[in-house]
């Protein structure tokens, strides 16, 4: 009799954990967090961390473990006065369920922004800095899963 009461809660826990660990094979949409945001379309990736911003080609294709890497450009002086200094950058992270951890590394200066935590479908909360609602067109950037080939 005791076994009947033990197994249903165990199955409920397993069912819920499987439902929340959905694997993203292609990342598109809005991901938001505190003072950070990511907007991904089928052609563009646009990132904000604080008053900085960056771009790459989209979409993002995570590997089987949810890890991804993107190559693009980043502007650490975008607001309040955009000085127009654009750095080559690497965007790396991992997606677990509906949560993404994202880090931006400037490849020419070794400056690192993040990691930040973003939630799929959540509106970015940027504080005093504005966020672009639509990514701008980008060129010459690639996105791959860790160890994968560019799409």
N, C-alpha and C. Protein backbone atom coordinates (compact mmCIF):
# COMPACT_ATOMS: atom_id res chain seq x y z
N UNK A 1 0.81 -1.18 0.00
CA UNK A 1 0.00 0.00 0.00
C UNK A 1 0.87 1.26 0.00
N UNK A 2 1.98 1.25 0.73
CA UNK A 2 2.86 2.40 0.79
C UNK A 2 3.46 2.70 -0.56
N UNK A 3 3.78 1.70 -1.32
CA UNK A 3 4.39 1.90 -2.64
C UNK A 3 3.48 2.67 -3.58
N UNK A 4 2.21 2.49 -3.47
CA UNK A 4 1.27 3.20 -4.34
C UNK A 4 1.37 4.70 -4.10
N UNK A 5 1.59 5.13 -2.85
CA UNK A 5 1.66 6.54 -2.53
C UNK A 5 3.02 7.13 -2.82
N UNK A 6 4.06 6.33 -2.89
CA UNK A 6 5.41 6.81 -3.14
C UNK A 6 5.64 7.09 -4.62
N UNK A 7 5.17 6.22 -5.49
CA UNK A 7 5.46 6.34 -6.92
C UNK A 7 4.74 7.48 -7.63
N UNK A 8 3.48 7.78 -7.37
CA UNK A 8 2.85 8.90 -8.09
C UNK A 8 3.58 10.23 -7.90
N UNK A 9 3.99 10.62 -6.68
CA UNK A 9 4.75 11.87 -6.56
C UNK A 9 6.08 11.82 -7.31
N UNK A 10 6.73 10.67 -7.32
CA UNK A 10 7.99 10.52 -8.04
C UNK A 10 7.77 10.72 -9.53
N UNK A 11 6.72 10.12 -10.09
CA UNK A 11 6.42 10.29 -11.51
C UNK A 11 6.06 11.74 -11.83
N UNK A 12 5.37 12.42 -10.94
CA UNK A 12 5.01 13.82 -11.16
C UNK A 12 6.26 14.70 -11.22
N UNK A 13 7.21 14.43 -10.32
CA UNK A 13 8.46 15.19 -10.32
C UNK A 13 9.23 14.95 -11.61
N UNK A 14 9.34 13.71 -12.03
CA UNK A 14 10.05 13.40 -13.27
C UNK A 14 9.37 14.02 -14.47
N UNK A 15 8.07 14.01 -14.53
CA UNK A 15 7.33 14.60 -15.65
C UNK A 15 7.55 16.10 -15.70
N UNK A 16 7.53 16.78 -14.57
CA UNK A 16 7.74 18.21 -14.53
C UNK A 16 9.16 18.58 -14.91
N UNK A 17 10.15 17.82 -14.45
CA UNK A 17 11.53 18.14 -14.79
C UNK A 17 11.79 17.92 -16.27
N UNK A 18 11.17 16.94 -16.88
CA UNK A 18 11.33 16.71 -18.32
C UNK A 18 10.68 17.83 -19.10
N UNK A 19 9.54 18.34 -18.64
CA UNK A 19 8.83 19.40 -19.36
C UNK A 19 9.60 20.71 -19.31
N UNK A 20 10.36 20.97 -18.26
CA UNK A 20 11.06 22.24 -18.14
C UNK A 20 12.45 22.21 -18.76
N UNK A 21 12.90 21.07 -19.24
CA UNK A 21 14.24 21.01 -19.82
C UNK A 21 14.19 20.84 -21.33
N UNK A 22 13.21 21.47 -21.97
CA UNK A 22 13.08 21.43 -23.41
C UNK A 22 14.35 21.97 -24.06
N UNK A 23 14.86 21.26 -25.04
CA UNK A 23 16.08 21.66 -25.73
C UNK A 23 15.75 22.57 -26.91
N UNK A 24 16.34 23.76 -26.94
CA UNK A 24 16.19 24.66 -28.06
C UNK A 24 17.16 24.24 -29.15
N UNK A 25 16.68 24.01 -30.35
CA UNK A 25 17.57 23.71 -31.47
C UNK A 25 17.85 24.96 -32.29
N UNK A 26 16.97 25.93 -32.19
CA UNK A 26 17.17 27.23 -32.85
C UNK A 26 16.57 28.28 -31.94
N UNK A 27 17.36 29.29 -31.60
CA UNK A 27 16.91 30.32 -30.68
C UNK A 27 16.44 31.53 -31.46
N UNK A 28 15.19 31.88 -31.31
CA UNK A 28 14.65 33.12 -31.85
C UNK A 28 13.73 33.72 -30.79
N UNK A 29 13.47 35.01 -30.88
CA UNK A 29 12.59 35.66 -29.94
C UNK A 29 13.33 36.58 -28.99
N UNK A 30 12.62 36.99 -27.96
CA UNK A 30 13.16 37.93 -26.98
C UNK A 30 13.51 37.19 -25.70
N UNK A 31 14.69 37.50 -25.19
CA UNK A 31 15.17 36.96 -23.92
C UNK A 31 15.49 38.17 -23.05
N UNK A 32 14.96 38.21 -21.84
CA UNK A 32 15.18 39.38 -21.01
C UNK A 32 15.67 39.04 -19.62
N UNK A 33 16.29 40.03 -19.02
CA UNK A 33 16.79 39.91 -17.66
C UNK A 33 16.93 41.29 -17.07
N UNK A 34 17.56 41.36 -15.91
CA UNK A 34 17.81 42.64 -15.27
C UNK A 34 19.01 43.31 -15.91
N UNK A 35 18.76 44.44 -16.56
CA UNK A 35 19.80 45.23 -17.23
C UNK A 35 20.46 44.47 -18.38
N UNK A 36 19.70 43.56 -19.00
CA UNK A 36 20.24 42.79 -20.12
C UNK A 36 19.10 42.31 -21.00
N UNK A 37 19.38 42.19 -22.29
CA UNK A 37 18.37 41.68 -23.21
C UNK A 37 19.00 41.10 -24.45
N UNK A 38 18.27 40.21 -25.09
CA UNK A 38 18.71 39.56 -26.32
C UNK A 38 17.49 39.46 -27.23
N UNK A 39 17.63 39.95 -28.46
CA UNK A 39 16.57 39.84 -29.46
C UNK A 39 17.16 39.06 -30.62
N UNK A 40 16.52 37.93 -30.97
CA UNK A 40 17.03 37.08 -32.04
C UNK A 40 15.93 36.86 -33.07
N UNK A 41 16.25 37.14 -34.34
CA UNK A 41 15.35 36.82 -35.45
C UNK A 41 16.00 35.70 -36.24
N UNK A 42 15.39 35.35 -37.37
CA UNK A 42 15.99 34.30 -38.20
C UNK A 42 17.24 34.77 -38.91
N UNK A 43 17.55 36.07 -38.85
CA UNK A 43 18.77 36.57 -39.51
C UNK A 43 19.69 37.39 -38.61
N UNK A 44 19.20 37.88 -37.47
CA UNK A 44 19.98 38.80 -36.66
C UNK A 44 19.93 38.47 -35.17
N UNK A 45 21.02 38.80 -34.48
CA UNK A 45 21.12 38.69 -33.03
C UNK A 45 21.51 40.08 -32.52
N UNK A 46 20.77 40.57 -31.53
CA UNK A 46 21.06 41.88 -30.96
C UNK A 46 21.10 41.74 -29.44
N UNK A 47 22.21 42.17 -28.82
CA UNK A 47 22.45 41.99 -27.39
C UNK A 47 22.62 43.34 -26.72
N UNK A 48 22.04 43.48 -25.52
CA UNK A 48 22.29 44.62 -24.65
C UNK A 48 22.68 44.10 -23.28
N UNK A 49 23.79 44.61 -22.76
CA UNK A 49 24.15 44.39 -21.37
C UNK A 49 24.44 45.78 -20.82
N UNK A 50 23.59 46.24 -19.93
CA UNK A 50 23.71 47.61 -19.44
C UNK A 50 23.57 48.59 -20.60
N UNK A 51 24.44 49.56 -20.65
CA UNK A 51 24.39 50.59 -21.70
C UNK A 51 25.29 50.23 -22.88
N UNK A 52 25.52 48.95 -23.10
CA UNK A 52 26.34 48.49 -24.21
C UNK A 52 25.46 47.68 -25.16
N UNK A 53 25.94 47.45 -26.38
CA UNK A 53 25.15 46.66 -27.33
C UNK A 53 26.04 45.98 -28.35
N UNK A 54 25.52 44.89 -28.92
CA UNK A 54 26.26 44.14 -29.92
C UNK A 54 25.34 43.44 -30.89
N UNK A 55 25.94 42.99 -32.00
CA UNK A 55 25.19 42.34 -33.08
C UNK A 55 25.95 41.15 -33.65
N UNK A 56 25.20 40.20 -34.17
CA UNK A 56 25.74 39.04 -34.88
C UNK A 56 24.66 38.55 -35.83
N UNK A 57 25.00 37.58 -36.64
CA UNK A 57 24.01 36.95 -37.51
C UNK A 57 23.22 35.92 -36.73
N UNK A 58 21.96 35.74 -37.07
CA UNK A 58 21.11 34.77 -36.39
C UNK A 58 20.58 33.76 -37.35
N UNK A 59 19.89 32.80 -36.85
CA UNK A 59 19.58 32.55 -35.45
C UNK A 59 20.74 31.84 -34.75
N UNK A 60 20.55 31.58 -33.47
CA UNK A 60 21.53 30.84 -32.68
C UNK A 60 21.14 29.36 -32.72
N UNK A 61 22.13 28.49 -32.94
CA UNK A 61 21.90 27.04 -32.95
C UNK A 61 22.72 26.40 -31.83
N UNK A 62 22.12 26.20 -30.65
CA UNK A 62 22.86 25.57 -29.56
C UNK A 62 23.18 24.11 -29.87
N UNK A 63 24.24 23.59 -29.26
CA UNK A 63 24.56 22.17 -29.41
C UNK A 63 23.65 21.34 -28.52
N UNK A 64 23.88 20.05 -28.45
CA UNK A 64 23.03 19.14 -27.68
C UNK A 64 23.00 19.45 -26.19
N UNK A 65 24.02 20.14 -25.68
CA UNK A 65 24.07 20.51 -24.27
C UNK A 65 23.56 21.93 -24.02
N UNK A 66 23.03 22.58 -25.06
CA UNK A 66 22.51 23.94 -24.93
C UNK A 66 23.57 25.02 -25.05
N UNK A 67 24.81 24.65 -25.31
CA UNK A 67 25.89 25.64 -25.43
C UNK A 67 25.92 26.24 -26.83
N UNK A 68 26.31 27.50 -26.88
CA UNK A 68 26.42 28.17 -28.18
C UNK A 68 27.56 29.18 -28.15
N UNK A 69 27.97 29.55 -29.34
CA UNK A 69 29.00 30.56 -29.51
C UNK A 69 28.67 31.35 -30.76
N UNK A 70 28.80 32.67 -30.68
CA UNK A 70 28.54 33.55 -31.82
C UNK A 70 29.70 34.52 -31.95
N UNK A 71 29.99 34.90 -33.16
CA UNK A 71 31.01 35.90 -33.44
C UNK A 71 30.31 37.12 -34.03
N UNK A 72 30.62 38.28 -33.49
CA UNK A 72 29.98 39.50 -33.98
C UNK A 72 30.77 40.73 -33.60
N UNK A 73 30.06 41.82 -33.39
CA UNK A 73 30.69 43.08 -32.99
C UNK A 73 29.99 43.62 -31.75
N UNK A 74 30.71 44.47 -31.01
CA UNK A 74 30.15 45.00 -29.77
C UNK A 74 30.60 46.43 -29.55
N UNK A 75 29.69 47.26 -29.03
CA UNK A 75 29.94 48.67 -28.76
C UNK A 75 29.77 48.88 -27.26
N UNK A 76 30.87 49.11 -26.55
CA UNK A 76 30.80 49.31 -25.10
C UNK A 76 30.57 50.78 -24.73
N UNK A 77 30.56 51.65 -25.72
CA UNK A 77 30.33 53.09 -25.49
C UNK A 77 29.08 53.55 -26.23
N UNK A 78 28.01 52.79 -26.16
CA UNK A 78 26.82 53.09 -26.95
C UNK A 78 25.92 54.16 -26.34
N UNK A 79 25.97 54.34 -25.02
CA UNK A 79 25.04 55.25 -24.38
C UNK A 79 25.72 55.87 -23.17
N UNK A 80 25.59 57.11 -22.85
CA UNK A 80 24.69 58.09 -23.44
C UNK A 80 25.22 58.74 -24.72
N UNK A 81 26.52 58.67 -24.95
CA UNK A 81 27.09 59.23 -26.19
C UNK A 81 27.78 58.10 -26.93
N UNK A 82 27.25 57.77 -28.10
CA UNK A 82 27.83 56.70 -28.91
C UNK A 82 29.07 57.23 -29.61
N UNK A 83 30.23 56.72 -29.20
CA UNK A 83 31.49 57.16 -29.80
C UNK A 83 31.81 56.41 -31.08
N UNK A 84 31.01 55.39 -31.42
CA UNK A 84 31.18 54.68 -32.68
C UNK A 84 32.34 53.70 -32.68
N UNK A 85 32.84 53.31 -31.52
CA UNK A 85 33.95 52.36 -31.44
C UNK A 85 33.38 50.96 -31.36
N UNK A 86 33.59 50.19 -32.40
CA UNK A 86 33.04 48.85 -32.51
C UNK A 86 34.17 47.84 -32.35
N UNK A 87 33.97 46.85 -31.47
CA UNK A 87 34.98 45.82 -31.21
C UNK A 87 34.51 44.47 -31.74
N UNK A 88 35.44 43.64 -32.23
CA UNK A 88 35.07 42.25 -32.52
C UNK A 88 34.77 41.55 -31.19
N UNK A 89 33.77 40.68 -31.22
CA UNK A 89 33.34 40.07 -29.96
C UNK A 89 32.91 38.63 -30.15
N UNK A 90 32.97 37.90 -29.05
CA UNK A 90 32.50 36.53 -28.99
C UNK A 90 31.35 36.48 -27.98
N UNK A 91 30.22 35.91 -28.39
CA UNK A 91 29.05 35.75 -27.53
C UNK A 91 28.98 34.25 -27.19
N UNK A 92 29.09 33.91 -25.93
CA UNK A 92 29.03 32.50 -25.54
C UNK A 92 27.99 32.32 -24.45
N UNK A 93 27.46 31.12 -24.39
CA UNK A 93 26.49 30.89 -23.34
C UNK A 93 25.94 29.48 -23.37
N UNK A 94 24.93 29.29 -22.53
CA UNK A 94 24.27 28.00 -22.44
C UNK A 94 22.81 28.23 -22.09
N UNK A 95 21.96 27.38 -22.67
CA UNK A 95 20.52 27.43 -22.40
C UNK A 95 20.14 26.16 -21.66
N UNK A 96 19.48 26.33 -20.53
CA UNK A 96 18.94 25.22 -19.76
C UNK A 96 17.47 25.54 -19.54
N UNK A 97 16.59 24.74 -20.11
CA UNK A 97 15.17 25.02 -20.03
C UNK A 97 14.86 26.33 -20.75
N UNK A 98 14.28 27.29 -20.04
CA UNK A 98 13.93 28.60 -20.59
C UNK A 98 14.92 29.68 -20.15
N UNK A 99 16.05 29.27 -19.56
CA UNK A 99 17.02 30.20 -19.01
C UNK A 99 18.34 30.15 -19.78
N UNK A 100 18.84 31.32 -20.14
CA UNK A 100 20.10 31.43 -20.86
C UNK A 100 21.11 32.18 -19.99
N UNK A 101 22.33 31.69 -19.97
CA UNK A 101 23.44 32.41 -19.38
C UNK A 101 24.29 32.90 -20.54
N UNK A 102 24.57 34.20 -20.60
CA UNK A 102 25.26 34.81 -21.74
C UNK A 102 26.44 35.63 -21.26
N UNK A 103 27.58 35.47 -21.95
CA UNK A 103 28.79 36.25 -21.70
C UNK A 103 29.27 36.83 -23.01
N UNK A 104 29.69 38.09 -22.99
CA UNK A 104 30.27 38.75 -24.16
C UNK A 104 31.73 39.04 -23.87
N UNK A 105 32.61 38.61 -24.77
CA UNK A 105 34.05 38.85 -24.63
C UNK A 105 34.53 39.63 -25.83
N UNK A 106 35.12 40.80 -25.59
CA UNK A 106 35.71 41.57 -26.68
C UNK A 106 37.03 40.91 -27.03
N UNK A 107 37.18 40.50 -28.27
CA UNK A 107 38.36 39.72 -28.65
C UNK A 107 39.60 40.57 -28.88
N UNK A 108 39.45 41.90 -29.00
CA UNK A 108 40.63 42.74 -29.20
C UNK A 108 41.15 43.37 -27.91
N UNK A 109 40.35 43.39 -26.85
CA UNK A 109 40.78 44.02 -25.60
C UNK A 109 40.71 43.08 -24.40
N UNK A 110 40.13 41.92 -24.55
CA UNK A 110 39.96 40.94 -23.48
C UNK A 110 38.96 41.39 -22.42
N UNK A 111 38.19 42.45 -22.68
CA UNK A 111 37.14 42.88 -21.75
C UNK A 111 35.99 41.88 -21.81
N UNK A 112 35.42 41.56 -20.65
CA UNK A 112 34.32 40.60 -20.56
C UNK A 112 33.13 41.26 -19.89
N UNK A 113 31.96 41.07 -20.49
CA UNK A 113 30.70 41.55 -19.92
C UNK A 113 29.86 40.32 -19.57
N UNK A 114 29.37 40.27 -18.36
CA UNK A 114 28.58 39.13 -17.93
C UNK A 114 29.43 38.19 -17.11
N UNK A 115 28.87 37.03 -16.83
CA UNK A 115 27.66 36.48 -17.42
C UNK A 115 26.39 37.15 -16.89
N UNK A 116 25.37 37.18 -17.77
CA UNK A 116 24.05 37.65 -17.41
C UNK A 116 23.07 36.49 -17.59
N UNK A 117 21.97 36.55 -16.85
CA UNK A 117 20.94 35.52 -16.96
C UNK A 117 19.73 36.10 -17.66
N UNK A 118 19.27 35.41 -18.70
CA UNK A 118 18.13 35.85 -19.49
C UNK A 118 17.06 34.77 -19.50
N UNK A 119 15.80 35.19 -19.53
CA UNK A 119 14.67 34.26 -19.54
C UNK A 119 13.93 34.43 -20.86
N UNK A 120 13.62 33.30 -21.51
CA UNK A 120 12.92 33.33 -22.79
C UNK A 120 11.53 33.95 -22.63
N UNK A 121 11.21 34.91 -23.50
CA UNK A 121 9.91 35.55 -23.50
C UNK A 121 9.75 36.68 -22.51
N UNK A 122 10.76 36.91 -21.67
CA UNK A 122 10.69 37.98 -20.67
C UNK A 122 11.15 39.29 -21.29
N UNK A 123 10.43 40.35 -21.01
CA UNK A 123 10.80 41.68 -21.50
C UNK A 123 12.07 42.14 -20.77
N UNK A 124 13.10 42.60 -21.51
CA UNK A 124 14.32 43.09 -20.84
C UNK A 124 14.00 44.32 -19.98
N UNK A 125 14.61 44.39 -18.80
CA UNK A 125 14.47 45.55 -17.91
C UNK A 125 15.82 46.26 -17.92
N UNK A 126 15.89 47.36 -18.66
CA UNK A 126 17.17 47.98 -18.92
C UNK A 126 17.54 49.14 -17.99
N UNK A 127 16.71 49.52 -17.05
CA UNK A 127 17.05 50.64 -16.19
C UNK A 127 17.15 51.91 -16.99
N UNK A 128 18.21 52.71 -16.80
CA UNK A 128 18.30 54.00 -17.49
C UNK A 128 18.69 53.89 -18.97
N UNK A 129 19.13 52.73 -19.42
CA UNK A 129 19.61 52.60 -20.79
C UNK A 129 18.50 52.07 -21.71
N UNK A 130 18.38 52.62 -22.90
CA UNK A 130 17.35 52.14 -23.83
C UNK A 130 17.76 50.82 -24.47
N UNK A 131 16.78 50.06 -24.93
CA UNK A 131 17.06 48.84 -25.69
C UNK A 131 16.41 48.98 -27.06
N UNK A 132 17.11 48.54 -28.07
CA UNK A 132 16.56 48.54 -29.42
C UNK A 132 15.53 47.42 -29.49
N UNK A 133 14.40 47.67 -30.06
CA UNK A 133 13.34 46.66 -30.14
C UNK A 133 13.49 45.76 -31.34
N UNK A 134 14.21 46.20 -32.36
CA UNK A 134 14.42 45.39 -33.56
C UNK A 134 15.90 45.40 -33.88
N UNK A 135 16.52 44.22 -34.07
CA UNK A 135 17.94 44.19 -34.40
C UNK A 135 18.21 44.84 -35.74
N UNK A 136 19.36 45.48 -35.87
CA UNK A 136 19.73 46.05 -37.17
C UNK A 136 20.37 44.96 -38.01
N UNK A 137 20.41 45.16 -39.31
CA UNK A 137 21.02 44.18 -40.22
C UNK A 137 22.51 44.09 -39.92
N UNK A 138 23.04 42.88 -39.94
CA UNK A 138 24.46 42.66 -39.66
C UNK A 138 25.10 41.88 -40.80
N UNK A 139 26.42 41.95 -40.87
CA UNK A 139 27.16 41.25 -41.91
C UNK A 139 28.41 40.63 -41.31
N UNK A 140 28.89 39.58 -41.98
CA UNK A 140 30.17 38.94 -41.66
C UNK A 140 30.28 38.45 -40.21
N UNK A 141 29.23 37.82 -39.72
CA UNK A 141 29.27 37.26 -38.38
C UNK A 141 28.75 35.83 -38.47
N UNK A 142 29.25 34.95 -37.61
CA UNK A 142 28.79 33.57 -37.64
C UNK A 142 28.37 33.13 -36.26
N UNK A 143 27.46 32.16 -36.23
CA UNK A 143 27.00 31.59 -34.98
C UNK A 143 27.01 30.08 -35.13
N UNK A 144 27.57 29.40 -34.14
CA UNK A 144 27.62 27.94 -34.19
C UNK A 144 27.39 27.40 -32.79
N UNK A 145 27.02 26.14 -32.73
CA UNK A 145 27.04 25.44 -31.45
C UNK A 145 28.50 25.20 -31.11
N UNK A 146 28.78 24.97 -29.86
CA UNK A 146 30.16 24.72 -29.45
C UNK A 146 30.64 23.46 -30.16
N UNK A 147 31.64 23.57 -30.96
CA UNK A 147 32.18 22.43 -31.67
C UNK A 147 31.41 22.10 -32.94
N UNK A 148 30.35 22.86 -33.25
CA UNK A 148 29.58 22.61 -34.46
C UNK A 148 30.05 23.50 -35.58
N UNK A 149 29.50 23.28 -36.75
CA UNK A 149 29.85 24.09 -37.90
C UNK A 149 28.83 25.20 -38.06
N UNK A 150 29.20 26.24 -38.73
CA UNK A 150 28.28 27.34 -39.01
C UNK A 150 27.16 26.83 -39.89
N UNK A 151 25.92 27.34 -39.66
CA UNK A 151 24.79 26.88 -40.46
C UNK A 151 24.90 27.35 -41.89
